[in-house]
Amino acid sequence: MRYRDAKKLHNEDQVRVKKTGQVLSVVETAVTPKTVTVLCDNGEKYHHTEIE
């Protein structure tokens, strides 16, 4: 996912992990100038490039 799309994510939005294809819900996002970290309902944090 691109940075500009990832920073628009809201709680409970659905995302898919690129590596596994698993669909997860967003719990929280942390936006920095070059990175978006997404905490999902499985307890894992993902970099914005790891999800779609």
Protein backbone atom coordinates (compact mmCIF):
# COMPACT_ATOMS: atom_id res chain seq x y z
CA MET A 1 0.00 0.00 0.00
CA ARG A 2 1.25 3.48 -0.76
CA TYR A 3 2.03 5.91 2.06
CA ARG A 4 -0.65 8.38 1.06
CA ASP A 5 -3.31 5.64 1.06
CA ALA A 6 -2.10 4.09 4.32
CA LYS A 7 -2.28 7.35 6.26
CA LYS A 8 -6.01 7.54 5.43
CA LEU A 9 -6.77 4.21 7.16
CA HIS A 10 -9.27 4.29 10.02
CA ASN A 11 -10.05 1.88 12.83
CA GLU A 12 -11.86 -1.27 11.69
CA ASP A 13 -10.85 -0.82 8.02
CA GLN A 14 -9.99 -4.13 6.36
CA VAL A 15 -6.45 -4.73 5.06
CA ARG A 16 -4.77 -7.78 3.53
CA VAL A 17 -1.25 -8.93 4.43
CA LYS A 18 0.67 -9.34 1.16
CA LYS A 19 2.77 -12.30 2.34
CA THR A 20 -0.03 -14.48 3.76
CA GLY A 21 -3.18 -13.10 2.14
CA GLN A 22 -4.79 -12.86 5.58
CA VAL A 23 -7.51 -10.21 5.94
CA LEU A 24 -7.29 -8.20 9.15
CA SER A 25 -8.97 -5.22 10.79
CA VAL A 26 -7.04 -2.06 11.63
CA VAL A 27 -6.86 -1.27 15.35
CA GLU A 28 -4.52 1.73 15.26
CA THR A 29 -2.23 3.61 12.88
CA ALA A 30 0.95 5.54 13.67
CA VAL A 31 1.97 8.07 11.02
CA THR A 32 5.50 9.49 10.74
CA PRO A 33 6.87 11.62 7.88
CA LYS A 34 7.95 8.58 5.82
CA THR A 35 6.26 5.56 7.39
CA VAL A 36 2.84 4.36 8.48
CA THR A 37 2.77 1.55 11.03
CA VAL A 38 -0.53 -0.31 11.25
CA LEU A 39 -1.55 -2.31 14.32
CA CYS A 40 -4.03 -5.02 13.38
CA ASP A 41 -6.49 -7.13 15.36
CA ASN A 42 -4.06 -10.07 15.46
CA GLY A 43 -1.72 -8.00 17.66
CA GLU A 44 0.94 -7.55 14.95
CA LYS A 45 2.30 -4.27 13.62
CA TYR A 46 2.80 -3.94 9.87
CA HIS A 47 4.71 -1.42 7.76
CA HIS A 48 2.48 0.17 5.12
CA THR A 49 4.34 -1.65 2.32
CA GLU A 50 3.47 -5.06 3.84
CA ILE A 51 -0.30 -4.62 3.40
CA GLU A 52 -2.70 -3.92 0.56
